[in-house]
Amino acid sequence: MKLRWRDPALFSDAEFRKKLCDLPAAKILRPQDEFVDTVAVDRFAVDIGASLILSCGPEHEHTKLYPESSERNIAVRPVLTGYVDEGLLEIARKVRPIAARPVDVGYLAWRATPWLGRHARLKVEIAEATRRSPITTTLKAHISLDPTDVRTGDGWLQFLSRCKAVIGVQGGASIHDPVGHFRDCGVKYLKDHPGANFTDLEQACFPGAEGSLDLKCLSPRHLEAAAMGSCQILIKGDFNGALLAGRDYIPVETDLSDLDQALLQISDKSRLQEIADSARRRILENVELRYSDFVEKVALQCGPYAPASDAQQRPDGALIRHLQRRDRYLTRRVRFEVWLGQRPRLRLFLSGIRKALTKDGALQPGHSNKTAP
């Protein structure tokens, strides 16, 4: 599914879809970010003869997200955005107690794009409100929305292990952008009006769209924070039933009116430890939150959709190998982009080289320049 972001030409190629359609296998889609470009995913599912769509959206939104698939009786089932893997379980066996952690409150996140709606804006607003809070001036805080401060892999888990508490909000969005018009308009509008606020952008690009999607869900960072023993201060939500307000996290109202009271609780180390321990038990002991259980359930669901056994029918080995190569390439590309995003000087240097080469004619649209950066 990441082909639609990283390799749109292949994703939309009719011959490629035909090859997938002809594969004698159950085809299951696992899309993410279902608040944008869902028409493309819906059409892709129909074109390749998908058997099942595993959606992060709630059941009452499935028909809205995948109307054509629903009409064709392609099953849509709810799943989480992520699960607990064995590696995390191993690391989580040894975590520092709250009192031994050097950072009082932490938060690292991208600046959520405004065309995802007010729910996504909360990811930015809770960070800014925490930094402004007078309570934070008495705490050792690491609150950042700077993309160069992003941590991945073990670096992210190490960051969590240093934090007594972390702030956060459910994943998702409150605006449905089925063909990407709101996104495209937002990108252009902010380029033309770099100082515009959210209200200006909303009126210009998606007036009346707020609330068109109810997609709020538990995210992997909540699972990881709980596993690493950090106490979570979260905007109140359902969290797919995995975390309970007041017991597994310190709740904050959507308007952030009680954020200061929540931050005051950081000084009570025993209270933080009690909440962190409760969340850790709920996450680590719940087998339904593990990837192994997720895989088992998907395998069981394959049965009704799998084609009849036929020794003469074999999946196209060349196509499978091609998809595997594309997947490895795209994964490396995403990792490189994250790595490069943390090095602004190098990114600027490479950008200058590209501009110079383009100006000199070394890079021209439609020509292959495999050695160019």
Protein backbone atom coordinates (compact mmCIF):
# COMPACT_ATOMS: atom_id res chain seq x y z
CA MET A 1 0.00 0.00 0.00
CA LYS A 2 2.93 2.39 0.44
CA LEU A 3 3.31 2.23 -3.36
CA ARG A 4 0.57 4.84 -3.61
CA TRP A 5 2.85 7.33 -1.82
CA ARG A 6 6.29 6.29 -3.03
CA ASP A 7 5.69 4.75 -6.45
CA PRO A 8 2.36 6.13 -7.74
CA ALA A 9 3.17 5.25 -11.36
CA LEU A 10 3.41 1.55 -10.55
CA PHE A 11 0.43 1.74 -8.19
CA SER A 12 -1.80 3.10 -10.96
CA ASP A 13 -0.35 0.98 -13.79
CA ALA A 14 -3.13 -1.08 -15.43
CA GLU A 15 -0.83 -3.96 -16.39
CA PHE A 16 0.50 -4.21 -12.84
CA ARG A 17 -3.05 -4.36 -11.46
CA LYS A 18 -3.98 -7.00 -14.02
CA LYS A 19 -1.06 -9.19 -12.91
CA LEU A 20 -2.15 -8.88 -9.29
CA CYS A 21 -5.73 -9.66 -10.25
CA ASP A 22 -4.61 -12.84 -12.04
CA LEU A 23 -2.64 -14.14 -9.02
CA PRO A 24 -4.32 -17.33 -7.74
CA ALA A 25 -4.26 -16.21 -4.10
CA ALA A 26 -6.27 -14.49 -1.43
CA LYS A 27 -5.44 -10.77 -1.63
CA ILE A 28 -5.59 -8.77 1.60
CA LEU A 29 -4.92 -5.03 1.76
CA ARG A 30 -3.54 -3.35 4.88
CA PRO A 31 -3.74 0.40 4.17
CA GLN A 32 -2.86 3.13 6.64
CA ASP A 33 -3.57 6.89 6.65
CA GLU A 34 -7.11 6.25 5.49
CA PHE A 35 -8.12 9.89 5.80
CA VAL A 36 -6.73 10.76 2.36
CA ASP A 37 -6.76 9.21 -1.15
CA THR A 38 -9.18 6.47 -0.12
CA VAL A 39 -10.81 6.51 -3.57
CA ALA A 40 -7.51 5.27 -5.03
CA VAL A 41 -7.27 2.47 -2.47
CA ASP A 42 -10.92 1.53 -3.00
CA ARG A 43 -10.46 1.31 -6.78
CA PHE A 44 -7.19 -0.63 -6.36
CA ALA A 45 -8.96 -3.20 -4.16
CA VAL A 46 -11.64 -3.73 -6.80
CA ASP A 47 -9.19 -3.85 -9.72
CA ILE A 48 -6.98 -6.57 -8.20
CA GLY A 49 -9.91 -8.62 -6.91
CA ALA A 50 -9.06 -8.08 -3.25
CA SER A 51 -10.57 -10.49 -0.76
CA LEU A 52 -10.28 -8.41 2.38
CA ILE A 53 -9.36 -4.90 3.54
CA LEU A 54 -7.93 -4.53 7.03
CA SER A 55 -8.91 -1.00 8.05
CA CYS A 56 -7.78 1.18 10.96
CA GLY A 57 -11.07 3.04 10.70
CA PRO A 58 -14.04 2.15 12.93
CA GLU A 59 -16.71 -0.11 11.47
CA HIS A 60 -19.25 2.69 11.11
CA GLU A 61 -16.88 4.47 8.70
CA HIS A 62 -16.01 1.51 6.46
CA THR A 63 -18.72 2.18 3.87
CA LYS A 64 -17.63 5.82 3.64
CA LEU A 65 -13.98 4.86 3.21
CA TYR A 66 -14.54 1.99 0.74
CA PRO A 67 -17.94 2.41 -0.95
CA GLU A 68 -17.10 0.53 -4.17
CA SER A 69 -15.46 -2.36 -2.30
CA SER A 70 -18.49 -2.60 -0.03
CA GLU A 71 -20.79 -2.78 -3.05
CA ARG A 72 -18.64 -5.59 -4.48
CA ASN A 73 -18.84 -7.47 -1.16
CA ILE A 74 -15.14 -7.11 -0.43
CA ALA A 75 -14.94 -7.64 3.31
CA VAL A 76 -13.61 -4.80 5.49
CA ARG A 77 -12.44 -5.67 9.00
CA PRO A 78 -11.13 -3.35 11.76
CA VAL A 79 -7.54 -3.69 12.97
CA LEU A 80 -5.08 -1.56 14.95
CA THR A 81 -2.44 0.71 13.42
CA GLY A 82 0.27 -1.38 15.06
CA TYR A 83 0.92 -4.18 17.54
CA VAL A 84 3.53 -5.31 20.05
CA ASP A 85 6.36 -7.41 18.58
CA GLU A 86 8.71 -9.84 20.27
CA GLY A 87 11.59 -7.38 20.14
CA LEU A 88 9.66 -4.82 22.17
CA LEU A 89 8.65 -7.50 24.67
CA GLU A 90 12.32 -8.38 25.15
CA ILE A 91 13.42 -4.76 25.63
CA ALA A 92 10.49 -4.01 27.95
CA ARG A 93 11.53 -6.70 30.43
CA LYS A 94 14.06 -4.29 31.92
CA VAL A 95 12.94 -0.68 32.34
CA ARG A 96 14.08 2.00 34.76
CA PRO A 97 11.72 3.00 37.57
CA ILE A 98 10.08 6.42 37.24
CA ALA A 99 12.21 7.98 39.97
CA ALA A 100 15.46 7.09 38.15
CA ARG A 101 14.53 8.84 34.88
CA PRO A 102 16.21 12.17 34.06
CA VAL A 103 13.45 13.74 31.89
CA ASP A 104 10.21 14.76 33.62
CA VAL A 105 8.04 15.08 30.52
CA GLY A 106 8.83 14.34 26.89
CA TYR A 107 7.24 14.47 23.45
CA LEU A 108 8.65 14.11 19.93
CA ALA A 109 6.36 14.41 16.91
CA TRP A 110 6.02 15.72 13.38
CA ARG A 111 3.91 18.83 12.90
CA ALA A 112 0.61 17.33 11.76
CA THR A 113 -0.56 18.75 8.44
CA PRO A 114 -3.56 21.05 9.05
CA TRP A 115 -5.75 19.54 6.32
CA LEU A 116 -6.18 16.45 8.52
CA GLY A 117 -8.52 18.47 10.72
CA ARG A 118 -8.75 19.67 14.28
CA HIS A 119 -8.16 16.24 15.80
CA ALA A 120 -4.76 15.99 14.13
CA ARG A 121 -4.06 19.60 15.18
CA LEU A 122 -4.24 18.43 18.79
CA LYS A 123 -0.88 16.69 18.27
CA VAL A 124 0.67 20.13 17.78
CA GLU A 125 -1.49 22.03 20.26
CA ILE A 126 -0.73 19.74 23.21
CA ALA A 127 3.00 20.21 22.58
CA GLU A 128 2.75 23.98 22.35
CA ALA A 129 0.48 24.20 25.39
CA THR A 130 2.85 22.06 27.45
CA ARG A 131 5.82 24.24 26.52
CA ARG A 132 3.85 27.39 27.48
CA SER A 133 2.60 25.98 30.77
CA PRO A 134 4.08 27.62 33.90
CA ILE A 135 4.28 24.12 35.39
CA THR A 136 6.78 23.11 32.72
CA THR A 137 9.22 25.82 33.85
CA THR A 138 9.82 23.80 37.02
CA LEU A 139 10.31 20.54 35.11
CA LYS A 140 13.04 19.08 32.94
CA ALA A 141 11.16 18.80 29.65
CA HIS A 142 12.05 17.61 26.16
CA ILE A 143 9.16 18.72 23.93
CA SER A 144 9.93 18.97 20.22
CA LEU A 145 8.11 19.22 16.90
CA ASP A 146 11.37 19.67 14.99
CA PRO A 147 11.77 16.98 12.27
CA THR A 148 15.53 16.92 12.93
CA ASP A 149 14.76 15.69 16.46
CA VAL A 150 12.84 12.62 15.30
CA ARG A 151 14.04 9.30 16.78
CA THR A 152 13.48 5.92 15.16
CA GLY A 153 14.01 2.32 16.20
CA ASP A 154 16.00 1.83 19.39
CA GLY A 155 16.62 5.58 19.61
CA TRP A 156 12.91 6.17 20.10
CA LEU A 157 12.64 3.48 22.78
CA GLN A 158 15.68 4.91 24.56
CA PHE A 159 14.03 8.32 24.57
CA LEU A 160 10.88 6.86 26.15
CA SER A 161 12.95 5.03 28.76
CA ARG A 162 14.40 8.38 29.90
CA CYS A 163 10.99 10.04 30.38
CA LYS A 164 8.98 9.90 33.58
CA ALA A 165 5.93 11.06 31.62
CA VAL A 166 5.03 11.62 27.97
CA ILE A 167 2.15 13.61 26.52
CA GLY A 168 0.06 12.53 23.54
CA VAL A 169 -3.21 12.12 21.67
CA GLN A 170 -4.90 9.35 19.69
CA GLY A 171 -3.82 8.88 16.10
CA GLY A 172 -6.12 9.66 13.21
CA ALA A 173 -7.92 12.60 11.62
CA SER A 174 -11.29 14.36 11.65
CA ILE A 175 -11.44 15.27 7.94
CA HIS A 176 -12.00 12.84 5.07
CA ASP A 177 -10.11 13.82 1.92
CA PRO A 178 -11.07 11.00 -0.48
CA VAL A 179 -9.16 12.21 -3.56
CA GLY A 180 -6.57 14.51 -1.97
CA HIS A 181 -8.12 17.85 -3.00
CA PHE A 182 -7.86 19.31 0.52
CA ARG A 183 -4.22 18.23 0.78
CA ASP A 184 -3.28 19.67 -2.62
CA CYS A 185 -5.07 22.93 -1.89
CA GLY A 186 -3.44 23.13 1.54
CA VAL A 187 0.06 22.64 0.16
CA LYS A 188 -0.45 25.38 -2.44
CA TYR A 189 -2.17 27.76 -0.02
CA LEU A 190 0.61 27.52 2.58
CA LYS A 191 3.21 28.01 -0.13
CA ASP A 192 1.44 31.21 -1.24
CA HIS A 193 0.55 32.30 2.33
CA PRO A 194 3.31 30.97 4.62
CA GLY A 195 2.01 32.91 7.63
CA ALA A 196 -1.58 31.66 7.39
CA ASN A 197 -3.21 30.21 10.50
CA PHE A 198 -5.42 27.14 10.66
CA THR A 199 -8.68 29.12 10.37
CA ASP A 200 -7.48 30.88 7.21
CA LEU A 201 -6.47 27.56 5.65
CA GLU A 202 -9.74 25.90 6.65
CA GLN A 203 -11.84 28.63 5.04
CA ALA A 204 -9.75 28.58 1.87
CA CYS A 205 -9.43 24.84 1.32
CA PHE A 206 -11.90 22.73 3.33
CA PRO A 207 -14.77 24.82 4.73
CA GLY A 208 -17.39 22.67 6.44
CA ALA A 209 -15.31 19.48 6.17
CA GLU A 210 -14.41 19.30 9.85
CA GLY A 211 -16.00 16.21 11.42
CA SER A 212 -16.49 14.44 8.08
CA LEU A 213 -14.46 11.52 9.42
CA ASP A 214 -14.40 9.85 12.82
CA LEU A 215 -10.99 8.20 12.78
CA LYS A 216 -9.38 8.21 16.22
CA CYS A 217 -7.33 5.22 17.26
CA LEU A 218 -4.59 3.78 19.41
CA SER A 219 -1.18 4.36 17.83
CA PRO A 220 2.06 2.34 18.17
CA ARG A 221 3.62 5.11 20.25
CA HIS A 222 1.04 4.49 23.00
CA LEU A 223 1.94 0.81 23.06
CA GLU A 224 5.65 1.62 23.10
CA ALA A 225 5.36 4.23 25.85
CA ALA A 226 3.40 1.80 28.02
CA ALA A 227 5.86 -1.03 27.36
CA MET A 228 8.81 1.21 28.26
CA GLY A 229 7.18 2.19 31.55
CA SER A 230 6.52 5.88 30.84
CA CYS A 231 3.42 7.41 32.42
CA GLN A 232 1.23 8.85 29.66
CA ILE A 233 -0.64 12.16 29.86
CA LEU A 234 -3.14 11.88 27.02
CA ILE A 235 -6.09 13.77 25.63
CA LYS A 236 -9.04 11.70 26.73
CA GLY A 237 -10.15 9.05 24.24
CA ASP A 238 -11.19 5.45 23.72
CA PHE A 239 -7.78 4.13 22.55
CA ASN A 240 -9.53 1.06 21.10
CA GLY A 241 -10.28 -0.08 24.65
CA ALA A 242 -6.61 -0.79 25.36
CA LEU A 243 -6.06 2.06 27.85
CA LEU A 244 -8.45 3.32 30.53
CA ALA A 245 -8.52 6.98 31.61
CA GLY A 246 -7.41 7.58 35.20
CA ARG A 247 -6.00 4.09 35.57
CA ASP A 248 -3.65 3.61 32.60
CA TYR A 249 -3.07 7.27 31.72
CA ILE A 250 -3.68 10.76 33.10
CA PRO A 251 -6.56 12.20 31.04
CA VAL A 252 -6.72 15.74 29.65
CA GLU A 253 -9.81 17.40 28.14
CA THR A 254 -9.82 18.17 24.41
CA ASP A 255 -9.74 21.92 25.07
CA LEU A 256 -6.60 21.40 27.23
CA SER A 257 -8.26 23.34 30.06
CA ASP A 258 -6.96 20.91 32.69
CA LEU A 259 -3.48 20.36 31.22
CA ASP A 260 -1.76 22.26 34.05
CA GLN A 261 -3.46 20.06 36.67
CA ALA A 262 -2.29 16.97 34.78
CA LEU A 263 1.28 18.26 34.60
CA LEU A 264 1.25 18.96 38.34
CA GLN A 265 0.87 15.23 38.94
CA ILE A 266 4.39 14.65 37.54
CA SER A 267 5.77 15.68 40.94
CA ASP A 268 4.04 12.66 42.53
CA LYS A 269 6.48 9.91 41.51
CA SER A 270 4.56 7.13 43.28
CA ARG A 271 1.35 8.09 41.43
CA LEU A 272 3.18 8.14 38.08
CA GLN A 273 4.69 4.73 38.82
CA GLU A 274 1.27 3.30 39.69
CA ILE A 275 -0.28 4.51 36.43
CA ALA A 276 2.72 3.44 34.33
CA ASP A 277 2.71 -0.04 35.89
CA SER A 278 -1.01 -0.44 35.22
CA ALA A 279 -0.66 0.50 31.54
CA ARG A 280 2.41 -1.70 31.17
CA ARG A 281 0.57 -4.74 32.51
CA ARG A 282 -2.47 -4.13 30.29
CA ILE A 283 -0.35 -3.78 27.16
CA LEU A 284 2.18 -6.55 27.72
CA GLU A 285 -0.25 -9.14 29.10
CA ASN A 286 -2.92 -8.65 26.44
CA VAL A 287 -2.08 -11.21 23.73
CA GLU A 288 -4.58 -9.59 21.37
CA LEU A 289 -2.20 -6.62 21.10
CA ARG A 290 0.67 -8.73 19.76
CA TYR A 291 1.70 -9.14 16.13
CA SER A 292 1.70 -12.92 16.55
CA ASP A 293 -2.02 -12.83 17.38
CA PHE A 294 -2.69 -10.39 14.53
CA VAL A 295 -0.95 -12.67 12.02
CA GLU A 296 -2.83 -15.71 13.29
CA LYS A 297 -6.18 -13.95 12.90
CA VAL A 298 -5.32 -12.77 9.38
CA ALA A 299 -4.27 -16.31 8.44
CA LEU A 300 -7.59 -17.66 9.71
CA GLN A 301 -9.47 -15.05 7.68
CA CYS A 302 -7.64 -16.10 4.51
CA GLY A 303 -9.49 -19.41 4.45
CA PRO A 304 -12.87 -18.28 3.08
CA TYR A 305 -11.21 -16.13 0.40
CA ALA A 306 -8.42 -18.43 -0.78
CA PRO A 307 -8.80 -19.91 -4.29
CA ALA A 308 -9.40 -23.62 -4.75
CA SER A 309 -6.22 -25.66 -4.65
CA ASP A 310 -4.89 -26.33 -8.12
CA ALA A 311 -1.45 -27.81 -8.72
CA GLN A 312 -1.35 -26.18 -12.16
CA GLN A 313 -1.93 -22.69 -10.76
CA ARG A 314 1.16 -20.99 -9.37
CA PRO A 315 1.62 -17.36 -8.40
CA ASP A 316 3.77 -15.44 -10.86
CA GLY A 317 7.21 -15.84 -9.28
CA ALA A 318 8.69 -12.96 -11.29
CA LEU A 319 5.94 -10.61 -10.09
CA ILE A 320 6.38 -11.66 -6.47
CA ARG A 321 10.15 -11.09 -6.67
CA HIS A 322 9.55 -7.72 -8.31
CA LEU A 323 7.22 -6.67 -5.50
CA GLN A 324 9.73 -7.82 -2.91
CA ARG A 325 12.47 -5.77 -4.56
CA ARG A 326 10.21 -2.70 -4.71
CA ASP A 327 9.34 -3.15 -1.05
CA ARG A 328 13.00 -3.34 -0.01
CA TYR A 329 13.82 -0.29 -2.13
CA LEU A 330 10.96 1.78 -0.74
CA THR A 331 11.80 0.81 2.84
CA ARG A 332 15.43 1.87 2.37
CA ARG A 333 14.28 5.11 0.73
CA VAL A 334 12.00 6.02 3.64
CA ARG A 335 14.77 5.27 6.15
CA PHE A 336 17.21 7.40 4.16
CA GLU A 337 14.74 10.30 4.03
CA VAL A 338 14.29 10.14 7.80
CA TRP A 339 18.09 10.02 8.25
CA LEU A 340 18.56 12.94 5.85
CA GLY A 341 15.80 14.92 7.57
CA GLN A 342 17.88 14.85 10.75
CA ARG A 343 20.82 16.47 8.93
CA PRO A 344 19.60 19.85 7.60
CA ARG A 345 23.05 21.00 6.46
CA LEU A 346 23.62 17.90 4.36
CA ARG A 347 20.07 18.19 2.96
CA LEU A 348 20.74 21.81 1.98
CA PHE A 349 24.07 20.84 0.40
CA LEU A 350 22.48 18.08 -1.70
CA SER A 351 19.66 20.41 -2.70
CA GLY A 352 22.23 22.93 -3.93
CA ILE A 353 23.96 20.28 -6.02
CA ARG A 354 20.65 19.24 -7.58
CA LYS A 355 19.80 22.86 -8.45
CA ALA A 356 23.23 23.38 -9.98
CA LEU A 357 22.98 20.22 -12.07
CA THR A 358 19.47 21.15 -13.23
CA LYS A 359 20.65 24.60 -14.22
CA ASP A 360 23.56 23.16 -16.19
CA GLY A 361 21.32 20.70 -17.98
CA ALA A 362 22.70 17.62 -16.30
CA LEU A 363 19.30 16.85 -14.84
CA GLN A 364 16.40 17.14 -17.23
CA PRO A 365 12.83 15.91 -16.80
CA GLY A 366 12.22 12.63 -18.55
CA HIS A 367 15.89 11.61 -18.58
CA SER A 368 17.57 9.04 -16.38
CA ASN A 369 20.27 10.40 -14.05
CA LYS A 370 20.95 7.47 -11.80
CA THR A 371 24.21 8.87 -10.46
CA ALA A 372 22.73 12.23 -9.48
CA PRO A 373 21.72 12.74 -5.83
